[in-house]
Amino acid sequence: MILNKFLLGRKGEGEAVRYLKANGYRILHRNLRARFGEIDVVARDGEALCFVEIKARSSTRFGFPEEAVNFPKRQKLLKLAAWYLQSRRPAGHSSVRFDVLSILNGPDSTPARIRLIKGAFEA
């Protein structure tokens, strides 16, 4: 069964949040919208405030999911993080980190490979 792009994304986000929680992340926000974009997940990993971009794909035909976090996408995420930090003023973190969680689904649409890239890029 091949899922459409929207359903694949939503399913991937659910899997990603379960994976993050199982690996010690504390989820603060999901799908946080600003007028110029959306942050998939804002979480804490120890003292780090993490902005997590989730990418899911059903094949590697166009590359691995994490490869979709290109320069324009990173620039948008940096802008969103700056907006979040300025508008929400979160306390209690000693660092900010940008992570990417990549999910490659198998033929039955279940995750065949999950890869968490901590510190995938820097501000």
PDB file of N, CA and C in Angstrom:
ATOM      1  N   MET A   1       0.848  -1.184   0.000  1.00  0.00           N
ATOM      2  CA  MET A   1       0.000   0.000   0.000  1.00  0.00           C
ATOM      3  C   MET A   1       0.890   1.242   0.000  1.00  0.00           C
ATOM      4  N   ILE A   2       0.656   2.129  -0.919  1.00  0.00           N
ATOM      5  CA  ILE A   2       1.418   3.369  -0.987  1.00  0.00           C
ATOM      6  C   ILE A   2       0.559   4.485  -0.410  1.00  0.00           C
ATOM      7  N   LEU A   3       1.089   5.169   0.569  1.00  0.00           N
ATOM      8  CA  LEU A   3       0.366   6.272   1.192  1.00  0.00           C
ATOM      9  C   LEU A   3       0.613   7.553   0.418  1.00  0.00           C
ATOM     10  N   ASN A   4      -0.383   8.449   0.407  1.00  0.00           N
ATOM     11  CA  ASN A   4      -0.124   9.732  -0.231  1.00  0.00           C
ATOM     12  C   ASN A   4       0.827  10.534   0.641  1.00  0.00           C
ATOM     13  N   LYS A   5       1.354  11.605   0.081  1.00  0.00           N
ATOM     14  CA  LYS A   5       2.404  12.388   0.752  1.00  0.00           C
ATOM     15  C   LYS A   5       1.958  12.905   2.122  1.00  0.00           C
ATOM     16  N   PHE A   6       0.729  13.396   2.219  1.00  0.00           N
ATOM     17  CA  PHE A   6       0.229  13.931   3.483  1.00  0.00           C
ATOM     18  C   PHE A   6       0.147  12.836   4.545  1.00  0.00           C
ATOM     19  N   LEU A   7      -0.458  11.697   4.184  1.00  0.00           N
ATOM     20  CA  LEU A   7      -0.591  10.604   5.146  1.00  0.00           C
ATOM     21  C   LEU A   7       0.767  10.024   5.534  1.00  0.00           C
ATOM     22  N   LEU A   8       1.671   9.941   4.569  1.00  0.00           N
ATOM     23  CA  LEU A   8       3.027   9.458   4.856  1.00  0.00           C
ATOM     24  C   LEU A   8       3.690  10.380   5.871  1.00  0.00           C
ATOM     25  N   GLY A   9       3.530  11.692   5.685  1.00  0.00           N
ATOM     26  CA  GLY A   9       4.113  12.666   6.611  1.00  0.00           C
ATOM     27  C   GLY A   9       3.534  12.550   8.012  1.00  0.00           C
ATOM     28  N   ARG A  10       2.222  12.474   8.122  1.00  0.00           N
ATOM     29  CA  ARG A  10       1.565  12.368   9.440  1.00  0.00           C
ATOM     30  C   ARG A  10       1.948  11.067  10.142  1.00  0.00           C
ATOM     31  N   LYS A  11       1.966   9.976   9.394  1.00  0.00           N
ATOM     32  CA  LYS A  11       2.363   8.686   9.974  1.00  0.00           C
ATOM     33  C   LYS A  11       3.815   8.762  10.432  1.00  0.00           C
ATOM     34  N   GLY A  12       4.665   9.366   9.606  1.00  0.00           N
ATOM     35  CA  GLY A  12       6.069   9.520   9.952  1.00  0.00           C
ATOM     36  C   GLY A  12       6.261  10.360  11.202  1.00  0.00           C
ATOM     37  N   GLU A  13       5.473  11.419  11.339  1.00  0.00           N
ATOM     38  CA  GLU A  13       5.578  12.267  12.531  1.00  0.00           C
ATOM     39  C   GLU A  13       5.209  11.498  13.793  1.00  0.00           C
ATOM     40  N   GLY A  14       4.180  10.668  13.715  1.00  0.00           N
ATOM     41  CA  GLY A  14       3.800   9.852  14.868  1.00  0.00           C
ATOM     42  C   GLY A  14       4.908   8.893  15.257  1.00  0.00           C
ATOM     43  N   GLU A  15       5.488   8.220  14.276  1.00  0.00           N
ATOM     44  CA  GLU A  15       6.611   7.306  14.517  1.00  0.00           C
ATOM     45  C   GLU A  15       7.801   8.073  15.091  1.00  0.00           C
ATOM     46  N   ALA A  16       8.043   9.250  14.544  1.00  0.00           N
ATOM     47  CA  ALA A  16       9.185  10.057  14.977  1.00  0.00           C
ATOM     48  C   ALA A  16       9.037  10.475  16.442  1.00  0.00           C
ATOM     49  N   VAL A  17       7.856  10.907  16.829  1.00  0.00           N
ATOM     50  CA  VAL A  17       7.642  11.331  18.211  1.00  0.00           C
ATOM     51  C   VAL A  17       7.817  10.153  19.162  1.00  0.00           C
ATOM     52  N   ARG A  18       7.308   8.999  18.791  1.00  0.00           N
ATOM     53  CA  ARG A  18       7.513   7.802  19.631  1.00  0.00           C
ATOM     54  C   ARG A  18       9.004   7.490  19.764  1.00  0.00           C
ATOM     55  N   TYR A  19       9.726   7.592  18.667  1.00  0.00           N
ATOM     56  CA  TYR A  19      11.163   7.324  18.674  1.00  0.00           C
ATOM     57  C   TYR A  19      11.904   8.338  19.552  1.00  0.00           C
ATOM     58  N   LEU A  20      11.568   9.609  19.395  1.00  0.00           N
ATOM     59  CA  LEU A  20      12.222  10.646  20.209  1.00  0.00           C
ATOM     60  C   LEU A  20      11.969  10.424  21.693  1.00  0.00           C
ATOM     61  N   LYS A  21      10.728  10.150  22.059  1.00  0.00           N
ATOM     62  CA  LYS A  21      10.394   9.894  23.471  1.00  0.00           C
ATOM     63  C   LYS A  21      11.166   8.683  24.003  1.00  0.00           C
ATOM     64  N   ALA A  22      11.246   7.634  23.216  1.00  0.00           N
ATOM     65  CA  ALA A  22      11.966   6.423  23.625  1.00  0.00           C
ATOM     66  C   ALA A  22      13.455   6.691  23.800  1.00  0.00           C
ATOM     67  N   ASN A  23      13.954   7.760  23.164  1.00  0.00           N
ATOM     68  CA  ASN A  23      15.369   8.111  23.262  1.00  0.00           C
ATOM     69  C   ASN A  23      15.611   9.302  24.182  1.00  0.00           C
ATOM     70  N   GLY A  24      14.661   9.553  25.083  1.00  0.00           N
ATOM     71  CA  GLY A  24      14.866  10.529  26.140  1.00  0.00           C
ATOM     72  C   GLY A  24      14.468  11.964  25.848  1.00  0.00           C
ATOM     73  N   TYR A  25      13.922  12.241  24.690  1.00  0.00           N
ATOM     74  CA  TYR A  25      13.476  13.603  24.372  1.00  0.00           C
ATOM     75  C   TYR A  25      12.154  13.881  25.097  1.00  0.00           C
ATOM     76  N   ARG A  26      12.013  15.115  25.534  1.00  0.00           N
ATOM     77  CA  ARG A  26      10.739  15.559  26.113  1.00  0.00           C
ATOM     78  C   ARG A  26      10.098  16.495  25.091  1.00  0.00           C
ATOM     79  N   ILE A  27       8.979  16.099  24.552  1.00  0.00           N
ATOM     80  CA  ILE A  27       8.306  16.851  23.488  1.00  0.00           C
ATOM     81  C   ILE A  27       7.594  18.061  24.096  1.00  0.00           C
ATOM     82  N   LEU A  28       7.913  19.240  23.572  1.00  0.00           N
ATOM     83  CA  LEU A  28       7.274  20.480  24.025  1.00  0.00           C
ATOM     84  C   LEU A  28       6.164  20.919  23.077  1.00  0.00           C
ATOM     85  N   HIS A  29       6.420  20.807  21.778  1.00  0.00           N
ATOM     86  CA  HIS A  29       5.444  21.222  20.771  1.00  0.00           C
ATOM     87  C   HIS A  29       5.565  20.325  19.545  1.00  0.00           C
ATOM     88  N   ARG A  30       4.415  20.115  18.900  1.00  0.00           N
ATOM     89  CA  ARG A  30       4.368  19.422  17.610  1.00  0.00           C
ATOM     90  C   ARG A  30       3.669  20.317  16.607  1.00  0.00           C
ATOM     91  N   ASN A  31       4.156  20.352  15.395  1.00  0.00           N
ATOM     92  CA  ASN A  31       3.538  21.111  14.317  1.00  0.00           C
ATOM     93  C   ASN A  31       3.224  22.543  14.728  1.00  0.00           C
ATOM     94  N   LEU A  32       4.224  23.219  15.232  1.00  0.00           N
ATOM     95  CA  LEU A  32       4.076  24.598  15.697  1.00  0.00           C
ATOM     96  C   LEU A  32       4.149  25.535  14.500  1.00  0.00           C
ATOM     97  N   ARG A  33       3.061  26.250  14.261  1.00  0.00           N
ATOM     98  CA  ARG A  33       2.957  27.091  13.066  1.00  0.00           C
ATOM     99  C   ARG A  33       3.252  28.553  13.348  1.00  0.00           C
ATOM    100  N   ALA A  34       3.979  29.126  12.415  1.00  0.00           N
ATOM    101  CA  ALA A  34       4.193  30.571  12.358  1.00  0.00           C
ATOM    102  C   ALA A  34       3.658  31.009  10.996  1.00  0.00           C
ATOM    103  N   ARG A  35       3.575  32.296  10.773  1.00  0.00           N
ATOM    104  CA  ARG A  35       3.017  32.761   9.489  1.00  0.00           C
ATOM    105  C   ARG A  35       3.900  32.374   8.306  1.00  0.00           C
ATOM    106  N   PHE A  36       5.148  32.041   8.540  1.00  0.00           N
ATOM    107  CA  PHE A  36       6.082  31.740   7.455  1.00  0.00           C
ATOM    108  C   PHE A  36       6.576  30.299   7.453  1.00  0.00           C
ATOM    109  N   GLY A  37       5.903  29.434   8.206  1.00  0.00           N
ATOM    110  CA  GLY A  37       6.312  28.034   8.182  1.00  0.00           C
ATOM    111  C   GLY A  37       5.883  27.273   9.415  1.00  0.00           C
ATOM    112  N   GLU A  38       6.415  26.072   9.549  1.00  0.00           N
ATOM    113  CA  GLU A  38       6.046  25.187  10.649  1.00  0.00           C
ATOM    114  C   GLU A  38       7.277  24.450  11.165  1.00  0.00           C
ATOM    115  N   ILE A  39       7.338  24.323  12.484  1.00  0.00           N
ATOM    116  CA  ILE A  39       8.378  23.521  13.129  1.00  0.00           C
ATOM    117  C   ILE A  39       7.737  22.169  13.444  1.00  0.00           C
ATOM    118  N   ASP A  40       8.338  21.083  12.962  1.00  0.00           N
ATOM    119  CA  ASP A  40       7.749  19.762  13.189  1.00  0.00           C
ATOM    120  C   ASP A  40       7.689  19.426  14.677  1.00  0.00           C
ATOM    121  N   VAL A  41       8.828  19.519  15.364  1.00  0.00           N
ATOM    122  CA  VAL A  41       8.890  19.191  16.793  1.00  0.00           C
ATOM    123  C   VAL A  41       9.868  20.125  17.490  1.00  0.00           C
ATOM    124  N   VAL A  42       9.439  20.631  18.645  1.00  0.00           N
ATOM    125  CA  VAL A  42      10.339  21.326  19.560  1.00  0.00           C
ATOM    126  C   VAL A  42      10.415  20.433  20.789  1.00  0.00           C
ATOM    127  N   ALA A  43      11.620  20.102  21.211  1.00  0.00           N
ATOM    128  CA  ALA A  43      11.786  19.160  22.322  1.00  0.00           C
ATOM    129  C   ALA A  43      13.017  19.522  23.137  1.00  0.00           C
ATOM    130  N   ARG A  44      13.113  18.904  24.295  1.00  0.00           N
ATOM    131  CA  ARG A  44      14.312  19.016  25.116  1.00  0.00           C
ATOM    132  C   ARG A  44      15.006  17.654  25.127  1.00  0.00           C
ATOM    133  N   ASP A  45      16.311  17.731  24.965  1.00  0.00           N
ATOM    134  CA  ASP A  45      17.157  16.548  25.098  1.00  0.00           C
ATOM    135  C   ASP A  45      18.214  16.945  26.111  1.00  0.00           C
ATOM    136  N   GLY A  46      17.984  16.593  27.362  1.00  0.00           N
ATOM    137  CA  GLY A  46      18.858  17.071  28.434  1.00  0.00           C
ATOM    138  C   GLY A  46      18.710  18.572  28.551  1.00  0.00           C
ATOM    139  N   GLU A  47      19.813  19.293  28.492  1.00  0.00           N
ATOM    140  CA  GLU A  47      19.798  20.754  28.591  1.00  0.00           C
ATOM    141  C   GLU A  47      19.604  21.436  27.241  1.00  0.00           C
ATOM    142  N   ALA A  48      19.591  20.668  26.168  1.00  0.00           N
ATOM    143  CA  ALA A  48      19.475  21.242  24.821  1.00  0.00           C
ATOM    144  C   ALA A  48      18.015  21.421  24.425  1.00  0.00           C
ATOM    145  N   LEU A  49      17.727  22.574  23.853  1.00  0.00           N
ATOM    146  CA  LEU A  49      16.436  22.825  23.227  1.00  0.00           C
ATOM    147  C   LEU A  49      16.605  22.430  21.761  1.00  0.00           C
ATOM    148  N   CYS A  50      15.807  21.470  21.305  1.00  0.00           N
ATOM    149  CA  CYS A  50      15.995  20.902  19.974  1.00  0.00           C
ATOM    150  C   CYS A  50      14.833  21.239  19.048  1.00  0.00           C
ATOM    151  N   PHE A  51      15.185  21.665  17.865  1.00  0.00           N
ATOM    152  CA  PHE A  51      14.231  21.864  16.789  1.00  0.00           C
ATOM    153  C   PHE A  51      14.443  20.680  15.856  1.00  0.00           C
ATOM    154  N   VAL A  52      13.422  19.835  15.756  1.00  0.00           N
ATOM    155  CA  VAL A  52      13.568  18.577  15.021  1.00  0.00           C
ATOM    156  C   VAL A  52      12.752  18.626  13.736  1.00  0.00           C
ATOM    157  N   GLU A  53      13.432  18.441  12.630  1.00  0.00           N
ATOM    158  CA  GLU A  53      12.783  18.340  11.325  1.00  0.00           C
ATOM    159  C   GLU A  53      12.621  16.859  11.010  1.00  0.00           C
ATOM    160  N   ILE A  54      11.406  16.474  10.663  1.00  0.00           N
ATOM    161  CA  ILE A  54      11.103  15.072  10.381  1.00  0.00           C
ATOM    162  C   ILE A  54      10.896  14.914   8.881  1.00  0.00           C
ATOM    163  N   LYS A  55      11.578  13.941   8.310  1.00  0.00           N
ATOM    164  CA  LYS A  55      11.428  13.637   6.894  1.00  0.00           C
ATOM    165  C   LYS A  55      11.176  12.149   6.739  1.00  0.00           C
ATOM    166  N   ALA A  56      10.122  11.819   6.006  1.00  0.00           N
ATOM    167  CA  ALA A  56       9.782  10.416   5.755  1.00  0.00           C
ATOM    168  C   ALA A  56       9.621  10.209   4.254  1.00  0.00           C
ATOM    169  N   ARG A  57      10.105   9.088   3.785  1.00  0.00           N
ATOM    170  CA  ARG A  57       9.962   8.711   2.380  1.00  0.00           C
ATOM    171  C   ARG A  57       9.669   7.218   2.290  1.00  0.00           C
ATOM    172  N   SER A  58       9.074   6.851   1.173  1.00  0.00           N
ATOM    173  CA  SER A  58       8.751   5.439   0.974  1.00  0.00           C
ATOM    174  C   SER A  58       9.782   4.728   0.096  1.00  0.00           C
ATOM    175  N   SER A  59      10.740   5.484  -0.461  1.00  0.00           N
ATOM    176  CA  SER A  59      11.817   4.862  -1.231  1.00  0.00           C
ATOM    177  C   SER A  59      13.010   5.827  -1.274  1.00  0.00           C
ATOM    178  N   THR A  60      14.116   5.322  -1.781  1.00  0.00           N
ATOM    179  CA  THR A  60      15.306   6.170  -1.938  1.00  0.00           C
ATOM    180  C   THR A  60      15.449   6.644  -3.386  1.00  0.00           C
ATOM    181  N   ARG A  61      14.397   6.535  -4.135  1.00  0.00           N
ATOM    182  CA  ARG A  61      14.433   6.931  -5.553  1.00  0.00           C
ATOM    183  C   ARG A  61      14.970   8.359  -5.730  1.00  0.00           C
ATOM    184  N   PHE A  62      14.604   9.243  -4.817  1.00  0.00           N
ATOM    185  CA  PHE A  62      15.069  10.631  -4.883  1.00  0.00           C
ATOM    186  C   PHE A  62      16.048  10.938  -3.751  1.00  0.00           C
ATOM    187  N   GLY A  63      16.681   9.915  -3.210  1.00  0.00           N
ATOM    188  CA  GLY A  63      17.640  10.077  -2.125  1.00  0.00           C
ATOM    189  C   GLY A  63      17.030   9.714  -0.781  1.00  0.00           C
ATOM    190  N   PHE A  64      17.855   9.726   0.236  1.00  0.00           N
ATOM    191  CA  PHE A  64      17.385   9.441   1.587  1.00  0.00           C
ATOM    192  C   PHE A  64      16.583  10.623   2.116  1.00  0.00           C
ATOM    193  N   PRO A  65      15.662  10.384   3.025  1.00  0.00           N
ATOM    194  CA  PRO A  65      14.812  11.468   3.522  1.00  0.00           C
ATOM    195  C   PRO A  65      15.596  12.670   4.053  1.00  0.00           C
ATOM    196  N   GLU A  66      16.678  12.426   4.777  1.00  0.00           N
ATOM    197  CA  GLU A  66      17.438  13.532   5.376  1.00  0.00           C
ATOM    198  C   GLU A  66      18.064  14.453   4.327  1.00  0.00           C
ATOM    199  N   GLU A  67      18.225  13.947   3.111  1.00  0.00           N
ATOM    200  CA  GLU A  67      18.794  14.771   2.048  1.00  0.00           C
ATOM    201  C   GLU A  67      17.847  15.890   1.606  1.00  0.00           C
ATOM    202  N   ALA A  68      16.587  15.797   1.979  1.00  0.00           N
ATOM    203  CA  ALA A  68      15.613  16.833   1.637  1.00  0.00           C
ATOM    204  C   ALA A  68      15.770  18.083   2.507  1.00  0.00           C
ATOM    205  N   VAL A  69      16.577  17.992   3.559  1.00  0.00           N
ATOM    206  CA  VAL A  69      16.816  19.163   4.418  1.00  0.00           C
ATOM    207  C   VAL A  69      17.994  19.920   3.794  1.00  0.00           C
ATOM    208  N   ASN A  70      17.668  20.607   2.717  1.00  0.00           N
ATOM    209  CA  ASN A  70      18.666  21.329   1.931  1.00  0.00           C
ATOM    210  C   ASN A  70      18.880  22.748   2.485  1.00  0.00           C
ATOM    211  N   PHE A  71      19.707  23.526   1.808  1.00  0.00           N
ATOM    212  CA  PHE A  71      20.036  24.865   2.293  1.00  0.00           C
ATOM    213  C   PHE A  71      18.804  25.753   2.493  1.00  0.00           C
ATOM    214  N   PRO A  72      17.890  25.851   1.524  1.00  0.00           N
ATOM    215  CA  PRO A  72      16.702  26.689   1.759  1.00  0.00           C
ATOM    216  C   PRO A  72      15.867  26.210   2.948  1.00  0.00           C
ATOM    217  N   LYS A  73      15.737  24.892   3.113  1.00  0.00           N
ATOM    218  CA  LYS A  73      14.972  24.357   4.246  1.00  0.00           C
ATOM    219  C   LYS A  73      15.674  24.694   5.563  1.00  0.00           C
ATOM    220  N   ARG A  74      17.001  24.580   5.593  1.00  0.00           N
ATOM    221  CA  ARG A  74      17.746  24.917   6.809  1.00  0.00           C
ATOM    222  C   ARG A  74      17.575  26.402   7.141  1.00  0.00           C
ATOM    223  N   GLN A  75      17.613  27.262   6.139  1.00  0.00           N
ATOM    224  CA  GLN A  75      17.430  28.706   6.365  1.00  0.00           C
ATOM    225  C   GLN A  75      16.052  28.983   6.961  1.00  0.00           C
ATOM    226  N   LYS A  76      15.041  28.299   6.453  1.00  0.00           N
ATOM    227  CA  LYS A  76      13.683  28.465   6.976  1.00  0.00           C
ATOM    228  C   LYS A  76      13.609  27.997   8.429  1.00  0.00           C
ATOM    229  N   LEU A  77      14.252  26.872   8.725  1.00  0.00           N
ATOM    230  CA  LEU A  77      14.244  26.351  10.100  1.00  0.00           C
ATOM    231  C   LEU A  77      14.968  27.296  11.055  1.00  0.00           C
ATOM    232  N   LEU A  78      16.046  27.908  10.600  1.00  0.00           N
ATOM    233  CA  LEU A  78      16.758  28.886  11.430  1.00  0.00           C
ATOM    234  C   LEU A  78      15.867  30.083  11.733  1.00  0.00           C
ATOM    235  N   LYS A  79      15.138  30.547  10.731  1.00  0.00           N
ATOM    236  CA  LYS A  79      14.217  31.672  10.910  1.00  0.00           C
ATOM    237  C   LYS A  79      13.092  31.298  11.885  1.00  0.00           C
ATOM    238  N   LEU A  80      12.555  30.100  11.733  1.00  0.00           N
ATOM    239  CA  LEU A  80      11.505  29.631  12.638  1.00  0.00           C
ATOM    240  C   LEU A  80      12.017  29.500  14.076  1.00  0.00           C
ATOM    241  N   ALA A  81      13.229  28.995  14.229  1.00  0.00           N
ATOM    242  CA  ALA A  81      13.810  28.855  15.572  1.00  0.00           C
ATOM    243  C   ALA A  81      14.011  30.228  16.213  1.00  0.00           C
ATOM    244  N   ALA A  82      14.480  31.193  15.444  1.00  0.00           N
ATOM    245  CA  ALA A  82      14.669  32.555  15.972  1.00  0.00           C
ATOM    246  C   ALA A  82      13.327  33.134  16.406  1.00  0.00           C
ATOM    247  N   TRP A  83      12.295  32.921  15.588  1.00  0.00           N
ATOM    248  CA  TRP A  83      10.946  33.371  15.948  1.00  0.00           C
ATOM    249  C   TRP A  83      10.496  32.719  17.260  1.00  0.00           C
ATOM    250  N   TYR A  84      10.701  31.406  17.373  1.00  0.00           N
ATOM    251  CA  TYR A  84      10.293  30.675  18.576  1.00  0.00           C
ATOM    252  C   TYR A  84      11.017  31.215  19.810  1.00  0.00           C
ATOM    253  N   LEU A  85      12.318  31.365  19.710  1.00  0.00           N
ATOM    254  CA  LEU A  85      13.109  31.829  20.855  1.00  0.00           C
ATOM    255  C   LEU A  85      12.706  33.244  21.273  1.00  0.00           C
ATOM    256  N   GLN A  86      12.397  34.091  20.308  1.00  0.00           N
ATOM    257  CA  GLN A  86      12.017  35.463  20.619  1.00  0.00           C
ATOM    258  C   GLN A  86      10.590  35.546  21.164  1.00  0.00           C
ATOM    259  N   SER A  87       9.671  34.801  20.589  1.00  0.00           N
ATOM    260  CA  SER A  87       8.270  34.916  21.004  1.00  0.00           C
ATOM    261  C   SER A  87       7.937  34.090  22.242  1.00  0.00           C
ATOM    262  N   ARG A  88       8.573  32.946  22.424  1.00  0.00           N
ATOM    263  CA  ARG A  88       8.255  32.057  23.550  1.00  0.00           C
ATOM    264  C   ARG A  88       9.195  32.240  24.737  1.00  0.00           C
ATOM    265  N   ARG A  89      10.393  32.728  24.479  1.00  0.00           N
ATOM    266  CA  ARG A  89      11.412  32.940  25.514  1.00  0.00           C
ATOM    267  C   ARG A  89      11.536  31.750  26.477  1.00  0.00           C
ATOM    268  N   PRO A  90      11.837  30.565  25.952  1.00  0.00           N
ATOM    269  CA  PRO A  90      11.941  29.389  26.817  1.00  0.00           C
ATOM    270  C   PRO A  90      13.146  29.491  27.754  1.00  0.00           C
ATOM    271  N   ALA A  91      12.936  29.050  28.970  1.00  0.00           N
ATOM    272  CA  ALA A  91      14.014  29.091  29.971  1.00  0.00           C
ATOM    273  C   ALA A  91      14.531  27.673  30.218  1.00  0.00           C
ATOM    274  N   GLY A  92      15.710  27.610  30.812  1.00  0.00           N
ATOM    275  CA  GLY A  92      16.227  26.328  31.267  1.00  0.00           C
ATOM    276  C   GLY A  92      16.985  25.515  30.240  1.00  0.00           C
ATOM    277  N   HIS A  93      17.447  26.141  29.175  1.00  0.00           N
ATOM    278  CA  HIS A  93      18.261  25.399  28.219  1.00  0.00           C
ATOM    279  C   HIS A  93      19.624  26.074  28.100  1.00  0.00           C
ATOM    280  N   SER A  94      20.627  25.249  27.925  1.00  0.00           N
ATOM    281  CA  SER A  94      21.976  25.814  27.813  1.00  0.00           C
ATOM    282  C   SER A  94      22.443  25.869  26.364  1.00  0.00           C
ATOM    283  N   SER A  95      21.724  25.180  25.479  1.00  0.00           N
ATOM    284  CA  SER A  95      22.097  25.198  24.069  1.00  0.00           C
ATOM    285  C   SER A  95      20.874  24.962  23.198  1.00  0.00           C
ATOM    286  N   VAL A  96      21.030  25.305  21.935  1.00  0.00           N
ATOM    287  CA  VAL A  96      19.997  25.068  20.928  1.00  0.00           C
ATOM    288  C   VAL A  96      20.613  24.149  19.883  1.00  0.00           C
ATOM    289  N   ARG A  97      19.809  23.187  19.440  1.00  0.00           N
ATOM    290  CA  ARG A  97      20.331  22.212  18.482  1.00  0.00           C
ATOM    291  C   ARG A  97      19.284  21.950  17.399  1.00  0.00           C
ATOM    292  N   PHE A  98      19.764  21.679  16.203  1.00  0.00           N
ATOM    293  CA  PHE A  98      18.901  21.348  15.084  1.00  0.00           C
ATOM    294  C   PHE A  98      19.130  19.884  14.717  1.00  0.00           C
ATOM    295  N   ASP A  99      18.112  19.070  14.934  1.00  0.00           N
ATOM    296  CA  ASP A  99      18.192  17.642  14.654  1.00  0.00           C
ATOM    297  C   ASP A  99      17.303  17.307  13.465  1.00  0.00           C
ATOM    298  N   VAL A 100      17.652  16.242  12.775  1.00  0.00           N
ATOM    299  CA  VAL A 100      16.828  15.726  11.692  1.00  0.00           C
ATOM    300  C   VAL A 100      16.534  14.266  12.000  1.00  0.00           C
ATOM    301  N   LEU A 101      15.265  13.906  11.902  1.00  0.00           N
ATOM    302  CA  LEU A 101      14.870  12.519  12.085  1.00  0.00           C
ATOM    303  C   LEU A 101      14.360  12.014  10.734  1.00  0.00           C
ATOM    304  N   SER A 102      15.052  11.029  10.205  1.00  0.00           N
ATOM    305  CA  SER A 102      14.785  10.492   8.880  1.00  0.00           C
ATOM    306  C   SER A 102      14.121   9.125   9.010  1.00  0.00           C
ATOM    307  N   ILE A 103      13.010   8.964   8.302  1.00  0.00           N
ATOM    308  CA  ILE A 103      12.301   7.681   8.318  1.00  0.00           C
ATOM    309  C   ILE A 103      12.167   7.184   6.886  1.00  0.00           C
ATOM    310  N   LEU A 104      12.679   6.002   6.653  1.00  0.00           N
ATOM    311  CA  LEU A 104      12.530   5.355   5.359  1.00  0.00           C
ATOM    312  C   LEU A 104      11.595   4.172   5.566  1.00  0.00           C
ATOM    313  N   ASN A 105      10.438   4.234   4.926  1.00  0.00           N
ATOM    314  CA  ASN A 105       9.441   3.181   5.091  1.00  0.00           C
ATOM    315  C   ASN A 105       9.698   2.025   4.147  1.00  0.00           C
ATOM    316  N   GLY A 106       9.339   0.849   4.601  1.00  0.00           N
ATOM    317  CA  GLY A 106       9.441  -0.350   3.780  1.00  0.00           C
ATOM    318  C   GLY A 106       8.236  -0.476   2.860  1.00  0.00           C
ATOM    319  N   PRO A 107       8.160  -1.570   2.114  1.00  0.00           N
ATOM    320  CA  PRO A 107       7.059  -1.761   1.160  1.00  0.00           C
ATOM    321  C   PRO A 107       5.677  -1.801   1.821  1.00  0.00           C
ATOM    322  N   ASP A 108       5.621  -2.186   3.088  1.00  0.00           N
ATOM    323  CA  ASP A 108       4.331  -2.247   3.778  1.00  0.00           C
ATOM    324  C   ASP A 108       4.030  -0.962   4.544  1.00  0.00           C
ATOM    325  N   SER A 109       4.765   0.110   4.253  1.00  0.00           N
ATOM    326  CA  SER A 109       4.584   1.441   4.851  1.00  0.00           C
ATOM    327  C   SER A 109       4.927   1.504   6.334  1.00  0.00           C
ATOM    328  N   THR A 110       5.663   0.522   6.833  1.00  0.00           N
ATOM    329  CA  THR A 110       6.154   0.589   8.207  1.00  0.00           C
ATOM    330  C   THR A 110       7.624   1.000   8.160  1.00  0.00           C
ATOM    331  N   PRO A 111       8.101   1.687   9.207  1.00  0.00           N
ATOM    332  CA  PRO A 111       9.493   2.151   9.184  1.00  0.00           C
ATOM    333  C   PRO A 111      10.491   1.002   9.061  1.00  0.00           C
ATOM    334  N   ALA A 112      11.298   1.074   8.018  1.00  0.00           N
ATOM    335  CA  ALA A 112      12.357   0.081   7.824  1.00  0.00           C
ATOM    336  C   ALA A 112      13.671   0.631   8.361  1.00  0.00           C
ATOM    337  N   ARG A 113      13.796   1.960   8.382  1.00  0.00           N
ATOM    338  CA  ARG A 113      15.032   2.594   8.856  1.00  0.00           C
ATOM    339  C   ARG A 113      14.667   3.938   9.478  1.00  0.00           C
ATOM    340  N   ILE A 114      15.066   4.131  10.719  1.00  0.00           N
ATOM    341  CA  ILE A 114      14.908   5.422  11.385  1.00  0.00           C
ATOM    342  C   ILE A 114      16.303   5.889  11.756  1.00  0.00           C
ATOM    343  N   ARG A 115      16.610   7.111  11.378  1.00  0.00           N
ATOM    344  CA  ARG A 115      17.936   7.671  11.665  1.00  0.00           C
ATOM    345  C   ARG A 115      17.759   9.044  12.299  1.00  0.00           C
ATOM    346  N   LEU A 116      18.302   9.210  13.495  1.00  0.00           N
ATOM    347  CA  LEU A 116      18.286  10.492  14.185  1.00  0.00           C
ATOM    348  C   LEU A 116      19.651  11.136  14.034  1.00  0.00           C
ATOM    349  N   ILE A 117      19.670  12.304  13.433  1.00  0.00           N
ATOM    350  CA  ILE A 117      20.926  13.039  13.240  1.00  0.00           C
ATOM    351  C   ILE A 117      20.909  14.228  14.187  1.00  0.00           C
ATOM    352  N   LYS A 118      21.611  14.077  15.312  1.00  0.00           N
ATOM    353  CA  LYS A 118      21.701  15.165  16.291  1.00  0.00           C
ATOM    354  C   LYS A 118      22.691  16.196  15.778  1.00  0.00           C
ATOM    355  N   GLY A 119      22.313  17.463  15.898  1.00  0.00           N
ATOM    356  CA  GLY A 119      23.197  18.517  15.434  1.00  0.00           C
ATOM    357  C   GLY A 119      23.426  18.428  13.936  1.00  0.00           C
ATOM    358  N   ALA A 120      22.367  18.207  13.185  1.00  0.00           N
ATOM    359  CA  ALA A 120      22.476  18.017  11.743  1.00  0.00           C
ATOM    360  C   ALA A 120      23.057  19.241  11.041  1.00  0.00           C
ATOM    361  N   PHE A 121      22.788  20.416  11.592  1.00  0.00           N
ATOM    362  CA  PHE A 121      23.374  21.649  11.071  1.00  0.00           C
ATOM    363  C   PHE A 121      23.402  22.669  12.192  1.00  0.00           C
ATOM    364  N   GLU A 122      24.145  23.735  11.995  1.00  0.00           N
ATOM    365  CA  GLU A 122      24.302  24.762  13.022  1.00  0.00           C
ATOM    366  C   GLU A 122      23.770  26.089  12.556  1.00  0.00           C
ATOM    367  N   ALA A 123      23.462  26.923  13.518  1.00  0.00           N
ATOM    368  CA  ALA A 123      22.962  28.278  13.208  1.00  0.00           C
ATOM    369  C   ALA A 123      24.088  29.152  12.733  1.00  0.00           C
TER     370      ALA A 123
END
